[in-house]
Protein backbone atom coordinates (compact mmCIF):
# COMPACT_ATOMS: atom_id res chain seq x y z
CA UNK A 1 -32.74 -34.03 176.45
CA UNK A 2 -34.88 -37.42 177.25
CA UNK A 3 -34.43 -39.08 180.39
CA UNK A 4 -34.42 -42.74 181.03
CA UNK A 5 -34.75 -45.05 183.86
CA UNK A 6 -32.36 -47.96 183.70
CA UNK A 7 -33.34 -50.48 185.96
CA UNK A 8 -30.60 -53.00 187.04
CA UNK A 9 -30.12 -56.99 188.45
CA UNK A 10 -29.27 -57.48 192.19
CA UNK A 11 -25.82 -58.38 190.76
CA UNK A 12 -24.99 -55.37 189.47
CA UNK A 13 -26.60 -52.89 192.38
CA UNK A 14 -23.07 -53.11 193.90
CA UNK A 15 -21.29 -51.91 190.80
CA UNK A 16 -23.73 -49.20 190.30
CA UNK A 17 -22.95 -48.17 194.19
CA UNK A 18 -26.27 -49.72 195.70
CA UNK A 19 -28.58 -48.56 193.30
CA UNK A 20 -30.84 -50.43 191.80
CA UNK A 21 -32.05 -47.96 189.31
CA UNK A 22 -30.68 -45.32 187.73
CA UNK A 23 -31.75 -41.98 185.68
CA UNK A 24 -30.01 -40.82 182.61
CA UNK A 25 -30.04 -38.32 180.43
CA UNK A 26 -29.53 -38.51 176.88
CA UNK A 27 -30.14 -36.69 173.70
CA UNK A 28 -34.02 -37.24 172.34
CA UNK A 29 -34.82 -38.79 170.29
CA UNK A 30 -32.07 -41.69 171.56
CA UNK A 31 -31.31 -44.91 170.91
CA UNK A 32 -30.07 -47.81 173.66
CA UNK A 33 -26.45 -47.28 172.72
CA UNK A 34 -26.96 -43.29 173.80
CA UNK A 35 -28.53 -44.55 177.30
CA UNK A 36 -25.01 -47.10 177.51
CA UNK A 37 -22.90 -43.86 177.05
CA UNK A 38 -24.56 -41.85 179.19
CA UNK A 39 -24.74 -44.25 182.07
CA UNK A 40 -20.73 -44.71 181.48
CA UNK A 41 -20.12 -41.12 182.00
CA UNK A 42 -21.53 -41.62 186.01
CA UNK A 43 -20.79 -45.87 186.18
CA UNK A 44 -18.42 -46.68 184.11
CA UNK A 45 -17.69 -50.41 185.15
CA UNK A 46 -21.76 -51.22 184.78
CA UNK A 47 -21.42 -49.75 181.50
CA UNK A 48 -18.69 -52.17 180.67
CA UNK A 49 -20.63 -55.11 182.10
CA UNK A 50 -23.37 -54.56 179.27
CA UNK A 51 -21.25 -53.72 176.18
CA UNK A 52 -17.78 -55.66 174.94
CA UNK A 53 -14.52 -53.43 174.29
CA UNK A 54 -16.02 -53.88 170.59
CA UNK A 55 -19.01 -51.54 171.34
CA UNK A 56 -21.45 -54.65 170.90
CA UNK A 57 -24.14 -56.02 173.56
CA UNK A 58 -22.38 -58.79 176.00
CA UNK A 59 -23.97 -61.93 175.12
CA UNK A 60 -25.39 -62.98 178.62
CA UNK A 61 -26.68 -59.85 179.22
CA UNK A 62 -30.57 -59.09 177.91
CA UNK A 63 -31.79 -55.52 177.71
CA UNK A 64 -35.27 -55.10 177.58
CA UNK A 65 -36.80 -50.94 176.49
CA UNK A 66 -40.27 -50.69 177.67
CA UNK A 67 -40.79 -54.57 177.88
CA UNK A 68 -39.32 -55.61 174.49
CA UNK A 69 -36.20 -57.10 174.11
CA UNK A 70 -33.88 -54.97 172.23
CA UNK A 71 -32.22 -57.92 170.11
CA UNK A 72 -35.28 -58.52 168.83
CA UNK A 73 -35.74 -55.28 167.63
CA UNK A 74 -32.47 -53.13 166.71
CA UNK A 75 -30.02 -54.05 169.56
CA UNK A 76 -28.24 -51.08 171.10
CA UNK A 77 -30.00 -48.68 168.08
CA UNK A 78 -33.16 -49.54 169.11
CA UNK A 79 -34.70 -46.18 170.12
CA UNK A 80 -35.03 -45.23 173.52
CA UNK A 81 -37.91 -42.61 174.01
CA UNK A 82 -38.58 -39.64 177.00
CA UNK A 83 -39.49 -41.87 180.12
CA UNK A 84 -38.74 -45.17 178.79
CA UNK A 85 -37.75 -48.31 180.89
CA UNK A 86 -34.59 -49.75 179.94
CA UNK A 87 -33.95 -53.42 182.26
CA UNK A 88 -31.07 -54.92 182.12
CA UNK A 89 -31.34 -58.54 182.80
CA UNK A 90 -28.63 -61.04 183.64
CA UNK A 91 -28.70 -64.38 181.54
CA UNK A 92 -29.80 -67.69 183.72
CA UNK A 93 -27.17 -70.44 181.97
CA UNK A 94 -27.71 -74.02 183.60
CA UNK A 95 -28.75 -77.82 182.64
């Protein structure tokens, strides 16, 4: 099993039960999709904020695995290793 730390932005902390960091366990080797699935077992509303009904990353959410933006690597198929840090960052829009 791989234990991964998911770090949340302040706006998602309330739907994560007040936690700004959540440790999840998933298969090793794991993918970002596995992490989201593990997260959904305890924080379903949070997982729904990260992926849409089709199982794709929502466009307004950026996720970094150990500092690398997952959209620039393999998206939800990005490999996540034991001890990885998964950071969720909301997009900032404006003009």
